[in-house]
Amino acid sequence: MSPSFVTNILADGILSNAGGSSGSSILSFLFLPLILVAMYFFMIRPQRRRMREQQVLQQSIAVGQEVVTTSGIFGTITGEDGDSRLWLEIDDDVQIRVARAAIQSVIVTDDDNGDTTPADASTSTED
């Protein structure tokens, strides 16, 4: 379908039935694909991007990194137990085993003043 074909159909429908309801039904029918396309670009694509970034982060975790889990537990990775589990030291001589998928972010320590921030926290103004 060429754009001129769609334009001709819209113009004919609106001009020939100016008093009827078929012109508005054609326009309302065209809003459905527009809404679906907008939903894809504003909801589905960003969610898929975030999921890919989270998977890359979880696969790149190494022993010795400080992390935070999805439940809010801070700790240091001390070992790996297979492909899907990690040992997390949460205090001196206290270790727990967590799923790799439970790691939310890697903590980066600011050396100047000792502040910690998640590595995936963006400082850009993208919305």
N, C-alpha and C. Protein backbone atom coordinates (compact mmCIF):
# COMPACT_ATOMS: atom_id res chain seq x y z
N MET A 1 0.84 -1.19 0.00
CA MET A 1 0.00 0.00 0.00
C MET A 1 0.88 1.24 0.00
N SER A 2 0.62 2.05 -0.95
CA SER A 2 1.38 3.28 -1.01
C SER A 2 0.71 4.33 -0.15
N PRO A 3 1.46 5.32 0.32
CA PRO A 3 0.86 6.37 1.14
C PRO A 3 -0.22 7.15 0.40
N SER A 4 -0.07 7.31 -0.91
CA SER A 4 -1.09 8.05 -1.66
C SER A 4 -2.39 7.26 -1.71
N PHE A 5 -2.31 5.93 -1.75
CA PHE A 5 -3.51 5.10 -1.75
C PHE A 5 -4.28 5.27 -0.45
N VAL A 6 -3.57 5.25 0.66
CA VAL A 6 -4.20 5.44 1.96
C VAL A 6 -4.79 6.84 2.07
N THR A 7 -4.08 7.82 1.57
CA THR A 7 -4.58 9.19 1.60
C THR A 7 -5.84 9.33 0.76
N ASN A 8 -5.86 8.70 -0.42
CA ASN A 8 -7.05 8.75 -1.27
C ASN A 8 -8.25 8.09 -0.61
N ILE A 9 -8.03 6.96 0.04
CA ILE A 9 -9.13 6.29 0.73
C ILE A 9 -9.67 7.17 1.84
N LEU A 10 -8.78 7.78 2.62
CA LEU A 10 -9.21 8.66 3.70
C LEU A 10 -9.96 9.87 3.16
N ALA A 11 -9.42 10.48 2.13
CA ALA A 11 -10.06 11.67 1.56
C ALA A 11 -11.43 11.33 0.98
N ASP A 12 -11.53 10.21 0.25
CA ASP A 12 -12.81 9.81 -0.32
C ASP A 12 -13.82 9.50 0.77
N GLY A 13 -13.38 8.82 1.80
CA GLY A 13 -14.29 8.46 2.88
C GLY A 13 -14.77 9.67 3.65
N ILE A 14 -13.91 10.61 3.87
CA ILE A 14 -14.28 11.80 4.64
C ILE A 14 -15.14 12.74 3.80
N LEU A 15 -14.78 12.94 2.53
CA LEU A 15 -15.50 13.88 1.69
C LEU A 15 -16.85 13.35 1.23
N SER A 16 -16.93 12.06 0.91
CA SER A 16 -18.19 11.53 0.40
C SER A 16 -19.22 11.33 1.50
N ASN A 17 -18.77 11.05 2.70
CA ASN A 17 -19.70 10.81 3.81
C ASN A 17 -19.43 11.79 4.94
N ALA A 18 -19.47 13.04 4.62
CA ALA A 18 -19.18 14.05 5.64
C ALA A 18 -20.19 14.00 6.77
N GLY A 19 -21.42 13.67 6.46
CA GLY A 19 -22.45 13.61 7.49
C GLY A 19 -22.58 12.22 8.09
N GLY A 20 -22.00 11.22 7.48
CA GLY A 20 -22.13 9.83 7.95
C GLY A 20 -21.08 9.47 8.98
N SER A 21 -21.15 8.23 9.44
CA SER A 21 -20.21 7.78 10.46
C SER A 21 -19.08 6.93 9.91
N SER A 22 -19.07 6.66 8.59
CA SER A 22 -18.03 5.79 8.06
C SER A 22 -16.67 6.48 8.03
N GLY A 23 -16.62 7.78 7.89
CA GLY A 23 -15.35 8.50 7.91
C GLY A 23 -14.68 8.41 9.26
N SER A 24 -15.45 8.54 10.30
CA SER A 24 -14.88 8.45 11.64
C SER A 24 -14.50 7.01 11.99
N SER A 25 -15.23 6.04 11.41
CA SER A 25 -14.87 4.65 11.69
C SER A 25 -13.55 4.29 11.02
N ILE A 26 -13.27 4.86 9.85
CA ILE A 26 -11.99 4.61 9.19
C ILE A 26 -10.87 5.22 10.01
N LEU A 27 -11.07 6.42 10.50
CA LEU A 27 -10.04 7.07 11.31
C LEU A 27 -9.82 6.33 12.63
N SER A 28 -10.89 5.88 13.24
CA SER A 28 -10.72 5.15 14.50
C SER A 28 -10.05 3.80 14.25
N PHE A 29 -10.28 3.20 13.08
CA PHE A 29 -9.62 1.95 12.74
C PHE A 29 -8.12 2.15 12.56
N LEU A 30 -7.70 3.31 12.09
CA LEU A 30 -6.28 3.59 11.89
C LEU A 30 -5.56 3.89 13.20
N PHE A 31 -6.29 4.23 14.25
CA PHE A 31 -5.66 4.51 15.53
C PHE A 31 -5.17 3.24 16.21
N LEU A 32 -5.81 2.12 15.97
CA LEU A 32 -5.39 0.87 16.60
C LEU A 32 -3.95 0.48 16.24
N PRO A 33 -3.58 0.44 14.96
CA PRO A 33 -2.17 0.14 14.65
C PRO A 33 -1.21 1.20 15.21
N LEU A 34 -1.64 2.44 15.22
CA LEU A 34 -0.80 3.50 15.78
C LEU A 34 -0.55 3.27 17.26
N ILE A 35 -1.56 2.87 18.00
CA ILE A 35 -1.42 2.60 19.42
C ILE A 35 -0.51 1.40 19.65
N LEU A 36 -0.65 0.36 18.82
CA LEU A 36 0.21 -0.82 18.96
C LEU A 36 1.66 -0.49 18.68
N VAL A 37 1.92 0.31 17.67
CA VAL A 37 3.30 0.71 17.36
C VAL A 37 3.87 1.56 18.50
N ALA A 38 3.09 2.48 19.02
CA ALA A 38 3.55 3.32 20.13
C ALA A 38 3.83 2.46 21.36
N MET A 39 2.98 1.48 21.62
CA MET A 39 3.20 0.60 22.77
C MET A 39 4.50 -0.18 22.61
N TYR A 40 4.79 -0.63 21.41
CA TYR A 40 6.03 -1.36 21.18
C TYR A 40 7.24 -0.48 21.47
N PHE A 41 7.23 0.75 20.95
CA PHE A 41 8.40 1.61 21.11
C PHE A 41 8.55 2.19 22.51
N PHE A 42 7.46 2.38 23.23
CA PHE A 42 7.56 2.99 24.55
C PHE A 42 7.57 1.99 25.70
N MET A 43 7.12 0.75 25.46
CA MET A 43 7.06 -0.20 26.56
C MET A 43 7.89 -1.47 26.30
N ILE A 44 7.68 -2.10 25.18
CA ILE A 44 8.29 -3.41 24.95
C ILE A 44 9.77 -3.31 24.65
N ARG A 45 10.17 -2.40 23.76
CA ARG A 45 11.59 -2.26 23.41
C ARG A 45 12.46 -1.89 24.61
N PRO A 46 12.08 -0.87 25.41
CA PRO A 46 12.91 -0.55 26.57
C PRO A 46 13.01 -1.70 27.58
N GLN A 47 11.91 -2.45 27.76
CA GLN A 47 11.95 -3.56 28.69
C GLN A 47 12.90 -4.65 28.20
N ARG A 48 12.88 -4.95 26.91
CA ARG A 48 13.81 -5.94 26.36
C ARG A 48 15.25 -5.48 26.51
N ARG A 49 15.50 -4.19 26.31
CA ARG A 49 16.86 -3.66 26.46
C ARG A 49 17.33 -3.81 27.90
N ARG A 50 16.46 -3.49 28.86
CA ARG A 50 16.83 -3.64 30.27
C ARG A 50 17.09 -5.11 30.62
N MET A 51 16.31 -6.02 30.06
CA MET A 51 16.53 -7.44 30.33
C MET A 51 17.87 -7.91 29.77
N ARG A 52 18.22 -7.45 28.57
CA ARG A 52 19.52 -7.82 27.98
C ARG A 52 20.66 -7.27 28.82
N GLU A 53 20.55 -6.01 29.27
CA GLU A 53 21.59 -5.41 30.10
C GLU A 53 21.74 -6.17 31.42
N GLN A 54 20.62 -6.60 32.01
CA GLN A 54 20.67 -7.34 33.27
C GLN A 54 21.33 -8.70 33.07
N GLN A 55 21.04 -9.36 31.96
CA GLN A 55 21.66 -10.66 31.69
C GLN A 55 23.16 -10.52 31.47
N VAL A 56 23.58 -9.47 30.77
CA VAL A 56 25.01 -9.24 30.56
C VAL A 56 25.70 -8.97 31.89
N LEU A 57 25.07 -8.18 32.75
CA LEU A 57 25.64 -7.89 34.07
C LEU A 57 25.78 -9.17 34.88
N GLN A 58 24.75 -10.01 34.89
CA GLN A 58 24.79 -11.23 35.69
C GLN A 58 25.82 -12.23 35.17
N GLN A 59 26.07 -12.24 33.88
CA GLN A 59 27.07 -13.15 33.33
C GLN A 59 28.49 -12.63 33.53
N SER A 60 28.65 -11.32 33.73
CA SER A 60 30.00 -10.75 33.86
C SER A 60 30.47 -10.62 35.31
N ILE A 61 29.71 -11.13 36.25
CA ILE A 61 30.08 -11.05 37.66
C ILE A 61 31.30 -11.93 37.92
N ALA A 62 32.26 -11.37 38.66
CA ALA A 62 33.49 -12.10 38.97
C ALA A 62 33.70 -12.13 40.49
N VAL A 63 34.53 -13.06 40.91
CA VAL A 63 34.87 -13.19 42.33
C VAL A 63 35.57 -11.91 42.79
N GLY A 64 35.18 -11.41 43.95
CA GLY A 64 35.79 -10.23 44.53
C GLY A 64 34.98 -8.95 44.33
N GLN A 65 33.96 -9.01 43.49
CA GLN A 65 33.14 -7.82 43.27
C GLN A 65 32.11 -7.66 44.37
N GLU A 66 31.83 -6.41 44.71
CA GLU A 66 30.79 -6.13 45.68
C GLU A 66 29.49 -5.93 44.92
N VAL A 67 28.43 -6.62 45.36
CA VAL A 67 27.16 -6.60 44.65
C VAL A 67 26.01 -6.37 45.62
N VAL A 68 24.85 -6.09 45.04
CA VAL A 68 23.61 -6.02 45.81
C VAL A 68 22.61 -6.94 45.12
N THR A 69 21.87 -7.71 45.92
CA THR A 69 20.90 -8.64 45.36
C THR A 69 19.56 -7.94 45.18
N THR A 70 18.63 -8.62 44.52
CA THR A 70 17.31 -8.04 44.31
C THR A 70 16.55 -7.86 45.62
N SER A 71 16.93 -8.59 46.65
CA SER A 71 16.29 -8.42 47.95
C SER A 71 16.98 -7.38 48.82
N GLY A 72 18.04 -6.75 48.31
CA GLY A 72 18.70 -5.67 49.03
C GLY A 72 19.85 -6.09 49.89
N ILE A 73 20.37 -7.28 49.73
CA ILE A 73 21.50 -7.76 50.52
C ILE A 73 22.79 -7.35 49.83
N PHE A 74 23.65 -6.66 50.56
CA PHE A 74 24.95 -6.24 50.05
C PHE A 74 25.98 -7.28 50.46
N GLY A 75 26.92 -7.56 49.57
CA GLY A 75 27.96 -8.52 49.91
C GLY A 75 29.02 -8.57 48.83
N THR A 76 30.01 -9.41 49.08
CA THR A 76 31.13 -9.59 48.16
C THR A 76 31.10 -11.02 47.65
N ILE A 77 31.27 -11.19 46.36
CA ILE A 77 31.29 -12.51 45.75
C ILE A 77 32.60 -13.21 46.16
N THR A 78 32.48 -14.40 46.78
CA THR A 78 33.67 -15.13 47.22
C THR A 78 33.91 -16.39 46.41
N GLY A 79 32.92 -16.83 45.67
CA GLY A 79 33.12 -18.03 44.88
C GLY A 79 31.91 -18.34 44.02
N GLU A 80 32.10 -19.30 43.11
CA GLU A 80 31.03 -19.74 42.23
C GLU A 80 30.73 -21.19 42.51
N ASP A 81 29.47 -21.52 42.53
CA ASP A 81 29.03 -22.89 42.76
C ASP A 81 28.21 -23.32 41.54
N GLY A 82 28.90 -23.69 40.48
CA GLY A 82 28.22 -24.01 39.23
C GLY A 82 27.99 -22.76 38.41
N ASP A 83 27.16 -22.90 37.38
CA ASP A 83 26.91 -21.77 36.50
C ASP A 83 25.87 -20.81 37.04
N SER A 84 24.98 -21.28 37.87
CA SER A 84 23.85 -20.44 38.27
C SER A 84 23.86 -20.01 39.74
N ARG A 85 24.89 -20.40 40.51
CA ARG A 85 24.91 -20.03 41.93
C ARG A 85 26.24 -19.40 42.30
N LEU A 86 26.17 -18.48 43.26
CA LEU A 86 27.36 -17.78 43.74
C LEU A 86 27.38 -17.82 45.26
N TRP A 87 28.58 -17.73 45.82
CA TRP A 87 28.73 -17.56 47.27
C TRP A 87 28.93 -16.09 47.54
N LEU A 88 28.14 -15.55 48.45
CA LEU A 88 28.15 -14.12 48.77
C LEU A 88 28.50 -13.95 50.24
N GLU A 89 29.59 -13.24 50.53
CA GLU A 89 29.97 -12.96 51.91
C GLU A 89 29.29 -11.67 52.34
N ILE A 90 28.41 -11.78 53.33
CA ILE A 90 27.66 -10.61 53.77
C ILE A 90 28.22 -10.01 55.05
N ASP A 91 29.06 -10.74 55.76
CA ASP A 91 29.73 -10.24 56.96
C ASP A 91 30.96 -11.11 57.17
N ASP A 92 31.78 -10.78 58.15
CA ASP A 92 32.96 -11.59 58.41
C ASP A 92 32.53 -13.03 58.75
N ASP A 93 33.05 -13.97 57.99
CA ASP A 93 32.78 -15.40 58.16
C ASP A 93 31.29 -15.77 58.05
N VAL A 94 30.52 -14.97 57.34
CA VAL A 94 29.11 -15.29 57.07
C VAL A 94 28.92 -15.27 55.56
N GLN A 95 28.68 -16.46 55.02
CA GLN A 95 28.49 -16.58 53.58
C GLN A 95 27.14 -17.23 53.28
N ILE A 96 26.52 -16.76 52.23
CA ILE A 96 25.27 -17.35 51.79
C ILE A 96 25.41 -17.70 50.31
N ARG A 97 24.62 -18.66 49.89
CA ARG A 97 24.62 -19.05 48.48
C ARG A 97 23.40 -18.42 47.83
N VAL A 98 23.60 -17.69 46.75
CA VAL A 98 22.51 -17.01 46.06
C VAL A 98 22.53 -17.40 44.58
N ALA A 99 21.41 -17.25 43.96
CA ALA A 99 21.31 -17.49 42.52
C ALA A 99 21.96 -16.32 41.78
N ARG A 100 22.61 -16.63 40.70
CA ARG A 100 23.23 -15.58 39.88
C ARG A 100 22.17 -14.59 39.40
N ALA A 101 20.96 -15.08 39.13
CA ALA A 101 19.88 -14.22 38.66
C ALA A 101 19.40 -13.24 39.74
N ALA A 102 19.77 -13.48 41.00
CA ALA A 102 19.34 -12.60 42.08
C ALA A 102 20.23 -11.37 42.23
N ILE A 103 21.32 -11.30 41.46
CA ILE A 103 22.20 -10.13 41.54
C ILE A 103 21.58 -8.99 40.74
N GLN A 104 21.35 -7.89 41.43
CA GLN A 104 20.73 -6.73 40.78
C GLN A 104 21.76 -5.80 40.17
N SER A 105 22.82 -5.50 40.92
CA SER A 105 23.83 -4.58 40.39
C SER A 105 25.16 -4.79 41.10
N VAL A 106 26.20 -4.31 40.44
CA VAL A 106 27.55 -4.33 41.00
C VAL A 106 27.79 -2.97 41.64
N ILE A 107 28.40 -2.97 42.84
CA ILE A 107 28.65 -1.73 43.57
C ILE A 107 30.03 -1.21 43.23
N VAL A 108 30.10 0.08 42.91
CA VAL A 108 31.36 0.74 42.63
C VAL A 108 31.65 1.69 43.79
N THR A 109 32.83 1.56 44.41
CA THR A 109 33.20 2.41 45.54
C THR A 109 33.95 3.62 45.04
N ASP A 110 33.49 4.80 45.46
CA ASP A 110 34.18 6.04 45.13
C ASP A 110 35.35 6.19 46.10
N ASP A 111 36.58 6.18 45.60
CA ASP A 111 37.78 6.17 46.45
C ASP A 111 37.97 7.48 47.21
N ASP A 112 37.45 8.59 46.70
CA ASP A 112 37.68 9.88 47.35
C ASP A 112 36.98 10.00 48.69
N ASN A 113 35.70 9.64 48.75
CA ASN A 113 34.99 9.82 50.02
C ASN A 113 34.33 8.55 50.53
N GLY A 114 34.55 7.40 49.89
CA GLY A 114 34.04 6.13 50.39
C GLY A 114 32.59 5.86 50.06
N ASP A 115 31.96 6.68 49.24
CA ASP A 115 30.57 6.45 48.87
C ASP A 115 30.48 5.27 47.90
N THR A 116 29.37 4.56 47.97
CA THR A 116 29.15 3.46 47.04
C THR A 116 27.93 3.75 46.20
N THR A 117 28.01 3.42 44.93
CA THR A 117 26.88 3.59 44.04
C THR A 117 26.78 2.36 43.14
N PRO A 118 25.56 2.00 42.74
CA PRO A 118 25.43 0.89 41.80
C PRO A 118 26.07 1.22 40.46
N ALA A 119 26.72 0.27 39.85
CA ALA A 119 27.41 0.51 38.59
C ALA A 119 26.45 0.76 37.46
N ASP A 120 25.22 0.25 37.53
CA ASP A 120 24.29 0.44 36.44
C ASP A 120 23.46 1.71 36.59
N ALA A 121 23.66 2.49 37.65
CA ALA A 121 22.92 3.74 37.80
C ALA A 121 23.42 4.74 36.78
N SER A 122 22.51 5.23 35.97
CA SER A 122 22.93 6.15 34.90
C SER A 122 22.85 7.58 35.39
N THR A 123 23.82 8.36 34.98
CA THR A 123 23.83 9.77 35.33
C THR A 123 23.37 10.62 34.18
N SER A 124 22.99 9.97 33.07
CA SER A 124 22.50 10.73 31.92
C SER A 124 21.07 11.16 32.17
N THR A 125 20.59 12.06 31.32
CA THR A 125 19.25 12.60 31.48
C THR A 125 18.29 11.96 30.51
N GLU A 126 18.59 10.75 30.01
CA GLU A 126 17.69 10.08 29.08
C GLU A 126 16.46 9.60 29.82
N ASP A 127 15.32 9.81 29.22
CA ASP A 127 14.05 9.32 29.79
C ASP A 127 13.27 8.56 28.77
